[in-house]
């Protein structure tokens, strides 16, 4: 039996050359310096590859059950979570392996940048790595859409609105993404194809190129202060170092295997303890309690857009990402020679510190953003007692409208409540009654943060709500729009209704 298997293996190997390919891969020489403790900095690429394999295996299992249709996708995920044996664990493993892959790719690229591994002759290796990072982020975003919950729905809506700002071809790009004029079955089907076929195909294609470039150009030796990269001599010096090099299938291989195994164990434990991510609620755009946020790799952009003025949105959406990607592609050509040791490259070290500090702060703000509605504020935060004491009965009714129409989720009174919108404690001194009616009915002009509530509130409720808002001002201070009324006259004019349209015309005789 063993002889027969060897004959079959020999027959296949003569036609495919598998043995030579594997031998070239695992036995290719690497610098001997990688056997030192510095070699532990070179394990993140293998960990990224391990997470990709874990993603593929778990993704195949999920694809056997997941139904990519608008009316069954949500239910199929619930079936995986609560009915299918270990379906919840498979979903959790797929999600956290994807998160781990993002982390490992970022750490790997940071290590390469800090140690000058992008310099000559490995410029193209770095550029392909940038493409791989974009593919990994695309996989993460498209995977969120497949959860088909409010986060998925509104994430897709935001992505569509961002794509719609592309000059000239914006509407066509949106139609390609959504497959229709609205978000529905066509959009889910397209993102399923992206997540399962298109992006993984591109990822594997560029990964093969990346690995070939690593074999072709070699693994860079750990940097040594004073050792510079010079195009005229580098190739010769590197070839000389490989003459006393060691095969990859040795300490380096077992080091990579150990770290990859530990990474898998960590992800398995996290998946078993935390369980799958979502889905939360059905993707109903009319749900008032939806508080969608993007996945964690995109929270920094979410925070940046929310903190920036409206005039900067188009720049942040269209120009800023292209600038960032362009700079990443340009790095190996701008910094192509010279020192590789981080201790001799302070600009590189400071750049990494600044970038990760900024990303960390923005990501934290994305998690705890003050512009996000406090969905429990209308039940947890009562109207301040001082406001209640000085309010008339119609104003108190307006206060209850303010509470139970969820205005409190975004607006605070005396600093208590939501912080997405401005504190309304003294709004009566800033906006007139007519301005308040327009603001509540039509929302912020140009589609800003304040939505239009004209169709969600009755005229009577609107009138009492505005009465309440007009009363929100310091004691004795006139309402907005009064020039110099005395206290009693101002109070009388504010309280006295107008009957001009209800009285009969004067007798002409």
Protein backbone atom coordinates (compact mmCIF):
# COMPACT_ATOMS: atom_id res chain seq x y z
CA UNK A 1 0.00 0.00 0.00
CA UNK A 2 2.79 2.42 0.94
CA UNK A 3 4.66 1.60 -2.28
CA UNK A 4 1.52 2.29 -4.28
CA UNK A 5 1.06 5.68 -2.59
CA UNK A 6 4.70 6.57 -3.25
CA UNK A 7 4.20 5.73 -6.93
CA UNK A 8 1.15 7.98 -7.10
CA UNK A 9 3.05 10.77 -5.32
CA UNK A 10 5.98 10.44 -7.70
CA UNK A 11 3.63 10.55 -10.71
CA UNK A 12 2.00 13.76 -9.44
CA UNK A 13 5.31 15.37 -8.46
CA UNK A 14 6.84 14.79 -11.92
CA UNK A 15 3.97 16.75 -13.47
CA UNK A 16 3.47 19.51 -10.88
CA UNK A 17 6.91 19.84 -9.32
CA UNK A 18 5.37 20.05 -5.83
CA UNK A 19 8.48 18.69 -4.10
CA UNK A 20 10.77 21.29 -5.65
CA UNK A 21 8.33 24.08 -4.82
CA UNK A 22 8.01 23.03 -1.18
CA UNK A 23 11.76 22.50 -0.88
CA UNK A 24 12.42 25.97 -2.32
CA UNK A 25 9.91 27.45 0.13
CA UNK A 26 10.87 25.78 3.40
CA UNK A 27 14.58 25.45 2.71
CA UNK A 28 15.24 28.89 1.27
CA UNK A 29 18.06 30.56 3.21
CA UNK A 30 17.45 33.41 5.62
CA UNK A 31 20.01 35.56 7.48
CA UNK A 32 21.56 33.77 10.43
CA UNK A 33 20.78 36.79 12.62
CA UNK A 34 17.13 35.71 12.62
CA UNK A 35 18.07 32.88 14.99
CA UNK A 36 18.76 35.53 17.64
CA UNK A 37 16.00 36.95 19.90
CA UNK A 38 15.45 39.61 17.20
CA UNK A 39 13.80 36.85 15.16
CA UNK A 40 10.70 37.10 17.36
CA UNK A 41 9.87 40.38 15.57
CA UNK A 42 9.39 38.42 12.33
CA UNK A 43 6.48 36.19 13.39
CA UNK A 44 3.52 38.49 12.70
CA UNK A 45 3.30 37.72 9.00
CA UNK A 46 2.87 34.01 9.67
CA UNK A 47 0.26 34.76 12.35
CA UNK A 48 -1.67 36.84 9.80
CA UNK A 49 -1.57 33.94 7.34
CA UNK A 50 -2.79 31.55 10.06
CA UNK A 51 -5.77 33.80 10.82
CA UNK A 52 -6.57 33.93 7.10
CA UNK A 53 -6.66 30.13 6.93
CA UNK A 54 -8.89 30.09 10.01
CA UNK A 55 -11.17 32.63 8.32
CA UNK A 56 -11.41 30.50 5.18
CA UNK A 57 -12.23 27.29 7.06
CA UNK A 58 -14.82 28.88 9.35
CA UNK A 59 -16.25 30.88 6.44
CA UNK A 60 -16.85 27.72 4.41
CA UNK A 61 -18.78 26.26 7.33
CA UNK A 62 -20.88 29.41 7.74
CA UNK A 63 -21.62 29.61 4.01
CA UNK A 64 -23.25 26.16 4.20
CA UNK A 65 -25.96 27.57 6.50
CA UNK A 66 -26.11 31.33 5.85
CA UNK A 67 -28.84 32.41 3.42
CA UNK A 68 -27.86 35.64 1.58
CA UNK A 69 -31.39 36.93 1.03
CA UNK A 70 -32.98 39.96 2.65
CA UNK A 71 -35.87 37.97 4.13
CA UNK A 72 -33.82 35.05 5.51
CA UNK A 73 -30.31 36.33 6.30
CA UNK A 74 -31.23 37.56 9.78
CA UNK A 75 -33.11 34.37 10.63
CA UNK A 76 -30.27 32.17 9.37
CA UNK A 77 -27.88 33.94 11.74
CA UNK A 78 -30.28 33.41 14.64
CA UNK A 79 -30.48 29.76 13.64
CA UNK A 80 -26.69 29.53 13.76
CA UNK A 81 -26.58 31.25 17.14
CA UNK A 82 -29.32 29.30 18.92
CA UNK A 83 -30.15 26.08 17.08
CA UNK A 84 -27.32 24.76 14.92
CA UNK A 85 -24.79 22.73 16.94
CA UNK A 86 -21.76 24.96 17.65
CA UNK A 87 -23.02 27.48 15.09
CA UNK A 88 -22.54 30.27 17.62
CA UNK A 89 -18.92 29.22 18.15
CA UNK A 90 -18.24 29.09 14.42
CA UNK A 91 -19.58 32.62 14.00
CA UNK A 92 -17.55 33.88 16.95
CA UNK A 93 -14.41 32.17 15.66
CA UNK A 94 -14.90 33.72 12.22
CA UNK A 95 -15.36 37.21 13.66
CA UNK A 96 -12.46 37.18 16.12
CA UNK A 97 -10.12 35.54 13.61
CA UNK A 98 -10.95 38.43 11.29
CA UNK A 99 -10.21 40.93 14.05
CA UNK A 100 -6.97 39.12 14.81
CA UNK A 101 -6.00 39.23 11.15
CA UNK A 102 -6.48 43.01 11.06
CA UNK A 103 -4.35 43.40 14.21
CA UNK A 104 -1.59 41.11 12.96
CA UNK A 105 -1.40 42.79 9.54
CA UNK A 106 -1.14 46.22 11.18
CA UNK A 107 1.51 45.02 13.64
CA UNK A 108 3.43 43.31 10.83
CA UNK A 109 3.42 46.45 8.68
CA UNK A 110 4.44 48.59 11.66
CA UNK A 111 7.36 46.27 12.41
CA UNK A 112 8.47 46.34 8.76
CA UNK A 113 8.25 50.14 8.68
CA UNK A 114 10.12 50.67 11.96
CA UNK A 115 12.90 48.26 10.99
CA UNK A 116 13.24 49.62 7.47
CA UNK A 117 12.17 46.38 5.79
CA UNK A 118 10.41 48.41 3.07
CA UNK A 119 13.68 49.83 1.75
CA UNK A 120 15.52 48.64 -1.37
CA UNK A 121 15.01 46.07 -2.85
CA UNK A 122 11.66 45.32 -1.16
CA UNK A 123 9.60 48.31 -2.30
CA UNK A 124 7.14 46.19 -4.26
CA UNK A 125 6.77 43.77 -1.33
CA UNK A 126 5.60 46.68 0.82
CA UNK A 127 3.21 47.98 -1.85
CA UNK A 128 1.58 44.56 -2.20
CA UNK A 129 1.31 44.49 1.60
CA UNK A 130 -0.65 47.77 1.46
CA UNK A 131 -3.04 46.14 -1.04
CA UNK A 132 -3.42 43.18 1.32
CA UNK A 133 -4.28 45.54 4.19
CA UNK A 134 -7.00 47.17 2.06
CA UNK A 135 -8.36 43.73 1.16
CA UNK A 136 -8.46 42.71 4.83
CA UNK A 137 -10.36 45.90 5.74
CA UNK A 138 -12.73 45.27 2.83
CA UNK A 139 -13.36 41.77 4.14
CA UNK A 140 -14.12 43.17 7.58
CA UNK A 141 -16.56 45.79 6.31
CA UNK A 142 -18.38 43.44 3.95
CA UNK A 143 -18.66 40.89 6.76
CA UNK A 144 -20.44 43.46 8.91
CA UNK A 145 -23.02 43.99 6.15
CA UNK A 146 -23.80 40.26 6.10
CA UNK A 147 -25.00 40.43 9.72
CA UNK A 148 -28.01 42.30 8.32
CA UNK A 149 -28.90 44.13 11.51
CA UNK A 150 -29.16 47.90 12.17
CA UNK A 151 -25.36 48.24 12.20
CA UNK A 152 -25.25 46.57 8.80
CA UNK A 153 -28.14 48.57 7.36
CA UNK A 154 -26.93 51.97 8.46
CA UNK A 155 -23.30 51.11 7.73
CA UNK A 156 -24.34 50.35 4.17
CA UNK A 157 -26.40 53.54 4.06
CA UNK A 158 -23.40 55.60 5.18
CA UNK A 159 -21.12 53.83 2.69
CA UNK A 160 -23.64 54.55 -0.07
CA UNK A 161 -23.91 58.22 0.88
CA UNK A 162 -20.10 58.49 0.93
CA UNK A 163 -19.81 56.83 -2.46
CA UNK A 164 -22.50 59.16 -3.79
CA UNK A 165 -20.20 62.13 -3.26
CA UNK A 166 -17.74 60.91 -5.87
CA UNK A 167 -17.85 63.51 -8.66
CA UNK A 168 -19.63 62.54 -11.90
CA UNK A 169 -19.73 58.78 -11.33
CA UNK A 170 -21.09 58.90 -7.75
CA UNK A 171 -24.64 57.74 -8.62
CA UNK A 172 -23.27 54.92 -10.76
CA UNK A 173 -20.98 53.78 -7.94
CA UNK A 174 -23.92 53.75 -5.51
CA UNK A 175 -26.00 51.73 -7.95
CA UNK A 176 -23.18 49.21 -8.34
CA UNK A 177 -22.94 48.86 -4.56
CA UNK A 178 -26.65 48.64 -3.85
CA UNK A 179 -27.90 47.12 -7.10
CA UNK A 180 -31.04 49.26 -6.77
CA UNK A 181 -32.27 52.65 -5.67
CA UNK A 182 -32.75 51.47 -2.08
CA UNK A 183 -31.01 49.10 0.32
CA UNK A 184 -32.46 45.63 -0.02
CA UNK A 185 -31.96 42.13 -1.36
CA UNK A 186 -29.72 43.21 -4.26
CA UNK A 187 -27.31 45.00 -1.90
CA UNK A 188 -27.05 42.01 0.43
CA UNK A 189 -26.46 39.68 -2.52
CA UNK A 190 -23.68 41.89 -3.88
CA UNK A 191 -21.91 42.19 -0.56
CA UNK A 192 -22.18 38.43 -0.08
CA UNK A 193 -20.44 37.99 -3.44
CA UNK A 194 -17.80 40.54 -2.42
CA UNK A 195 -17.18 38.92 0.96
CA UNK A 196 -17.14 35.30 -0.23
CA UNK A 197 -15.71 35.48 -3.76
CA UNK A 198 -14.31 38.80 -4.98
CA UNK A 199 -12.29 40.10 -2.00
CA UNK A 200 -10.98 36.66 -0.90
CA UNK A 201 -9.95 35.97 -4.50
CA UNK A 202 -8.05 39.26 -4.65
CA UNK A 203 -6.59 38.60 -1.20
CA UNK A 204 -5.25 35.17 -2.17
CA UNK A 205 -3.93 36.49 -5.48
CA UNK A 206 -1.96 39.31 -3.90
CA UNK A 207 -0.89 37.06 -1.04
CA UNK A 208 0.68 34.69 -3.56
CA UNK A 209 2.53 37.64 -5.13
CA UNK A 210 3.60 38.84 -1.67
CA UNK A 211 5.00 35.43 -0.72
CA UNK A 212 6.79 35.13 -4.05
CA UNK A 213 8.37 38.54 -3.52
CA UNK A 214 9.50 37.46 -0.04
CA UNK A 215 11.19 34.41 -1.58
CA UNK A 216 12.55 36.42 -4.50
CA UNK A 217 13.95 39.38 -2.56
CA UNK A 218 14.68 37.52 0.67
CA UNK A 219 13.88 38.27 4.28
CA UNK A 220 15.59 41.39 5.54
CA UNK A 221 18.10 40.86 8.33
CA UNK A 222 17.49 42.53 11.71
CA UNK A 223 18.69 46.15 11.48
CA UNK A 224 22.00 47.12 13.01
CA UNK A 225 22.80 50.76 13.88
CA UNK A 226 25.36 52.10 11.43
CA UNK A 227 24.53 49.55 8.73
CA UNK A 228 22.99 51.49 5.85
CA UNK A 229 21.11 50.42 2.74
CA UNK A 230 23.13 51.37 -0.35
CA UNK A 231 21.80 50.28 -3.75
CA UNK A 232 25.31 49.91 -5.11
CA UNK A 233 26.41 47.37 -2.52
CA UNK A 234 23.28 45.97 -0.86
CA UNK A 235 22.63 43.05 -3.24
CA UNK A 236 26.23 41.87 -2.99
CA UNK A 237 26.33 42.20 0.78
CA UNK A 238 23.00 40.38 1.21
CA UNK A 239 24.13 37.52 -1.04
CA UNK A 240 27.29 37.18 1.04
CA UNK A 241 25.26 37.06 4.26
CA UNK A 242 23.12 34.24 2.87
CA UNK A 243 26.20 32.10 2.29
CA UNK A 244 26.36 31.66 6.05
CA UNK A 245 22.57 31.75 6.38
CA UNK A 246 20.24 29.06 7.74
CA UNK A 247 17.19 27.41 6.14
CA UNK A 248 13.78 28.77 7.01
CA UNK A 249 12.71 25.27 8.11
CA UNK A 250 14.53 25.50 11.41
CA UNK A 251 14.28 27.82 14.39
CA UNK A 252 12.44 30.43 12.33
CA UNK A 253 9.79 27.92 11.22
CA UNK A 254 9.17 26.57 14.72
CA UNK A 255 9.10 30.09 16.16
CA UNK A 256 6.41 31.08 13.61
CA UNK A 257 4.50 27.85 14.30
CA UNK A 258 4.56 28.47 18.06
CA UNK A 259 3.28 32.04 17.78
CA UNK A 260 0.62 31.03 15.25
CA UNK A 261 -0.57 28.22 17.54
CA UNK A 262 -0.74 30.60 20.51
CA UNK A 263 -2.68 33.10 18.38
CA UNK A 264 -5.20 30.42 17.43
CA UNK A 265 -5.59 29.37 21.07
CA UNK A 266 -6.22 32.99 22.12
CA UNK A 267 -8.86 33.47 19.42
CA UNK A 268 -10.56 30.16 20.29
CA UNK A 269 -10.73 31.14 23.98
CA UNK A 270 -12.06 34.63 23.18
CA UNK A 271 -14.67 33.15 20.82
CA UNK A 272 -15.79 30.62 23.44
CA UNK A 273 -16.03 33.25 26.21
CA UNK A 274 -17.51 36.23 24.34
CA UNK A 275 -19.59 34.43 21.73
CA UNK A 276 -20.61 35.78 18.32
CA UNK A 277 -20.99 39.45 17.38
CA UNK A 278 -24.66 40.17 16.74
CA UNK A 279 -27.01 40.27 15.07
CA UNK A 280 -28.84 42.69 17.37
CA UNK A 281 -32.23 43.67 15.90
CA UNK A 282 -33.74 43.16 12.46
CA UNK A 283 -32.54 45.72 9.85
CA UNK A 284 -35.62 47.92 10.19
CA UNK A 285 -34.84 51.55 9.21
CA UNK A 286 -37.84 52.77 11.23
CA UNK A 287 -36.48 51.51 14.57
CA UNK A 288 -36.11 54.53 16.82
CA UNK A 289 -33.74 52.78 19.22
CA UNK A 290 -31.12 51.90 16.65
CA UNK A 291 -27.73 53.28 17.58
CA UNK A 292 -25.50 51.92 14.82
CA UNK A 293 -21.74 52.16 14.83
CA UNK A 294 -19.15 50.80 12.41
CA UNK A 295 -16.82 47.96 13.30
CA UNK A 296 -13.81 48.83 15.43
CA UNK A 297 -11.28 49.26 12.55
CA UNK A 298 -13.46 52.10 11.20
CA UNK A 299 -14.42 53.82 14.46
CA UNK A 300 -11.60 56.33 14.04
CA UNK A 301 -13.10 57.53 10.75
CA UNK A 302 -16.57 57.61 12.33
CA UNK A 303 -15.24 59.82 15.12
CA UNK A 304 -13.29 62.03 12.73
CA UNK A 305 -16.37 62.69 10.61
CA UNK A 306 -18.51 63.36 13.66
CA UNK A 307 -16.03 65.80 15.19
CA UNK A 308 -15.27 67.70 11.98
CA UNK A 309 -17.33 70.60 10.63
CA UNK A 310 -19.75 69.87 7.82
CA UNK A 311 -17.57 71.75 5.33
CA UNK A 312 -14.79 69.20 5.85
CA UNK A 313 -16.91 66.09 5.26
CA UNK A 314 -16.31 65.81 1.54
CA UNK A 315 -12.56 66.21 2.01
CA UNK A 316 -12.47 63.56 4.75
CA UNK A 317 -14.63 61.15 2.73
CA UNK A 318 -13.08 61.50 -0.71
CA UNK A 319 -9.63 63.11 -0.46
CA UNK A 320 -8.25 62.09 2.95
CA UNK A 321 -8.39 58.28 2.38
CA UNK A 322 -6.71 58.69 -1.01
CA UNK A 323 -3.98 60.79 0.60
CA UNK A 324 -3.40 58.19 3.32
CA UNK A 325 -3.25 55.33 0.82
CA UNK A 326 -1.03 57.37 -1.50
CA UNK A 327 1.40 58.11 1.33
CA UNK A 328 1.53 54.43 2.27
CA UNK A 329 2.38 53.46 -1.31
CA UNK A 330 4.99 56.23 -1.48
CA UNK A 331 6.78 55.29 1.77
CA UNK A 332 9.29 52.81 0.22
CA UNK A 333 10.18 55.28 -2.50
CA UNK A 334 10.54 58.29 -0.21
CA UNK A 335 12.56 56.36 2.40
CA UNK A 336 14.48 54.00 0.15
CA UNK A 337 18.01 53.89 1.53
CA UNK A 338 20.07 54.83 4.57
CA UNK A 339 19.72 53.61 8.15
CA UNK A 340 17.26 50.84 9.05
CA UNK A 341 17.67 50.73 12.83
CA UNK A 342 14.76 52.45 14.66
CA UNK A 343 17.22 54.16 17.02
CA UNK A 344 18.69 55.99 14.02
CA UNK A 345 15.29 56.88 12.49
CA UNK A 346 13.54 59.20 14.98
CA UNK A 347 11.12 60.55 12.36
CA UNK A 348 9.82 57.02 11.69
CA UNK A 349 9.45 56.28 15.41
CA UNK A 350 7.67 59.58 16.12
CA UNK A 351 5.40 59.02 13.11
CA UNK A 352 4.31 55.63 14.44
CA UNK A 353 3.70 57.05 17.92
CA UNK A 354 1.68 59.97 16.52
CA UNK A 355 -0.36 57.78 14.16
CA UNK A 356 -1.28 55.16 16.74
CA UNK A 357 -2.00 57.77 19.43
CA UNK A 358 -4.35 59.58 17.05
CA UNK A 359 -6.03 56.35 15.97
CA UNK A 360 -6.36 55.25 19.59
CA UNK A 361 -7.95 58.50 20.74
CA UNK A 362 -10.34 58.63 17.78
CA UNK A 363 -11.28 54.97 18.26
CA UNK A 364 -12.00 55.62 21.93
CA UNK A 365 -14.16 58.58 20.97
CA UNK A 366 -15.89 56.37 18.44
CA UNK A 367 -16.79 53.95 21.25
CA UNK A 368 -17.85 56.67 23.73
CA UNK A 369 -18.83 59.45 21.37
CA UNK A 370 -20.79 62.30 23.00
CA UNK A 371 -22.65 62.83 19.74
CA UNK A 372 -24.23 59.40 20.06
CA UNK A 373 -27.78 59.47 21.48
CA UNK A 374 -28.30 58.27 25.04
CA UNK A 375 -31.15 55.90 24.33
CA UNK A 376 -32.14 55.58 28.01
CA UNK A 377 -32.05 59.31 28.81
CA UNK A 378 -35.80 59.86 28.38
CA UNK A 379 -36.54 57.34 31.14
CA UNK A 380 -33.53 57.87 33.40
CA UNK A 381 -33.28 61.67 33.49
CA UNK A 382 -36.30 63.66 34.72
CA UNK A 383 -36.91 67.30 33.83
CA UNK A 384 -35.03 69.39 36.44
CA UNK A 385 -37.21 70.47 39.38
CA UNK A 386 -36.43 74.18 38.92
CA UNK A 387 -37.80 74.05 35.37
CA UNK A 388 -40.93 72.23 36.53
CA UNK A 389 -41.60 74.80 39.32
CA UNK A 390 -41.72 77.77 36.97
CA UNK A 391 -43.63 76.07 34.13
CA UNK A 392 -47.31 76.59 33.34
CA UNK A 393 -49.62 73.64 32.69
CA UNK A 394 -49.25 73.81 28.87
CA UNK A 395 -45.49 74.06 29.29
CA UNK A 396 -45.49 70.99 31.55
CA UNK A 397 -47.42 69.09 28.91
CA UNK A 398 -44.79 70.25 26.41
CA UNK A 399 -42.14 68.96 28.80
CA UNK A 400 -43.74 65.53 28.75
CA UNK A 401 -43.72 65.66 24.94
CA UNK A 402 -40.02 66.57 25.15
CA UNK A 403 -39.43 63.48 27.30
CA UNK A 404 -41.56 60.89 25.53
CA UNK A 405 -40.71 61.91 21.97
CA UNK A 406 -37.11 61.01 22.91
CA UNK A 407 -35.76 64.57 22.53
CA UNK A 408 -33.89 63.93 25.77
CA UNK A 409 -31.77 61.26 24.10
CA UNK A 410 -29.85 63.92 22.17
CA UNK A 411 -30.41 67.08 24.24
CA UNK A 412 -29.53 67.77 27.88
CA UNK A 413 -31.28 69.99 30.42
CA UNK A 414 -28.99 71.51 33.03
CA UNK A 415 -26.22 69.26 31.71
CA UNK A 416 -28.18 66.02 32.24
CA UNK A 417 -29.25 63.96 29.21
CA UNK A 418 -27.93 63.28 25.74
CA UNK A 419 -25.01 65.24 24.34
CA UNK A 420 -25.42 64.72 20.62
CA UNK A 421 -27.19 68.06 20.30
CA UNK A 422 -26.76 71.30 22.28
CA UNK A 423 -27.92 71.71 25.87
CA UNK A 424 -31.38 73.34 25.74
CA UNK A 425 -31.43 74.85 29.23
CA UNK A 426 -31.44 78.40 27.79
CA UNK A 427 -32.68 77.75 24.26
CA UNK A 428 -35.51 80.23 24.79
CA UNK A 429 -32.96 83.08 24.75
CA UNK A 430 -31.40 81.90 21.47
CA UNK A 431 -34.28 80.91 19.23
CA UNK A 432 -37.67 82.49 18.69
CA UNK A 433 -40.91 80.54 18.67
CA UNK A 434 -41.02 80.53 14.87
CA UNK A 435 -37.41 79.38 14.66
CA UNK A 436 -38.09 76.55 17.11
CA UNK A 437 -41.11 75.42 15.09
CA UNK A 438 -39.01 75.37 11.92
CA UNK A 439 -36.16 73.53 13.65
CA UNK A 440 -38.38 70.82 15.13
CA UNK A 441 -40.48 70.41 11.99
CA UNK A 442 -37.75 70.52 9.34
CA UNK A 443 -34.60 69.54 11.23
CA UNK A 444 -31.14 70.94 10.56
CA UNK A 445 -30.92 72.46 7.06
CA UNK A 446 -28.89 70.42 4.61
CA UNK A 447 -29.49 67.09 6.34
CA UNK A 448 -27.54 67.76 9.53
CA UNK A 449 -27.64 65.93 12.85
CA UNK A 450 -31.13 67.16 13.80
CA UNK A 451 -33.76 65.07 11.99
CA UNK A 452 -37.12 66.45 10.86
CA UNK A 453 -40.00 65.57 13.21
CA UNK A 454 -42.78 67.32 11.30
CA UNK A 455 -44.43 64.01 10.37
CA UNK A 456 -43.86 62.39 13.75
CA UNK A 457 -45.54 64.95 15.96
CA UNK A 458 -49.05 66.40 15.88
CA UNK A 459 -49.68 70.17 15.62
CA UNK A 460 -50.96 70.25 19.21
CA UNK A 461 -47.90 68.41 20.49
CA UNK A 462 -45.63 70.71 18.47
CA UNK A 463 -47.30 73.80 19.91
CA UNK A 464 -46.95 72.63 23.51
CA UNK A 465 -43.39 71.43 22.92
CA UNK A 466 -42.40 74.84 21.58
CA UNK A 467 -44.15 76.51 24.56
CA UNK A 468 -41.91 74.44 26.79
CA UNK A 469 -38.77 75.25 24.81
CA UNK A 470 -39.53 78.98 24.77
CA UNK A 471 -39.81 78.88 28.57
CA UNK A 472 -36.30 77.44 28.89
CA UNK A 473 -34.38 80.57 29.86
CA UNK A 474 -32.97 82.08 33.05
CA UNK A 475 -35.43 83.67 35.48
CA UNK A 476 -36.36 87.20 34.40
CA UNK A 477 -34.59 87.03 31.04
CA UNK A 478 -36.80 87.82 28.04
CA UNK A 479 -37.44 85.32 25.29
CA UNK A 480 -35.52 85.56 22.04
CA UNK A 481 -36.96 88.12 19.66
CA UNK A 482 -37.99 90.70 22.31
CA UNK A 483 -35.91 93.84 21.98
CA UNK A 484 -36.41 95.75 25.24
CA UNK A 485 -39.63 94.66 26.89
CA UNK A 486 -40.13 95.30 30.58
CA UNK A 487 -40.56 92.25 32.77
CA UNK A 488 -44.32 92.54 33.21
CA UNK A 489 -44.97 93.60 29.60
CA UNK A 490 -42.75 90.85 28.28
CA UNK A 491 -44.55 88.26 30.38
CA UNK A 492 -47.92 89.67 29.31
CA UNK A 493 -47.01 89.66 25.61
CA UNK A 494 -45.57 86.16 25.84
CA UNK A 495 -48.71 84.81 27.50
CA UNK A 496 -51.41 86.82 25.70
CA UNK A 497 -52.72 85.05 22.57
CA UNK A 498 -53.45 86.95 19.36
CA UNK A 499 -57.11 87.24 18.37
CA UNK A 500 -56.74 89.53 15.37
CA UNK A 501 -57.69 86.77 12.90
CA UNK A 502 -60.61 85.63 15.04
CA UNK A 503 -62.40 89.03 15.43
CA UNK A 504 -64.86 90.32 12.83
CA UNK A 505 -63.68 93.21 10.64
CA UNK A 506 -64.53 96.71 11.90
CA UNK A 507 -67.77 98.32 10.69
CA UNK A 508 -66.90 100.48 7.67
CA UNK A 509 -69.63 102.93 8.61
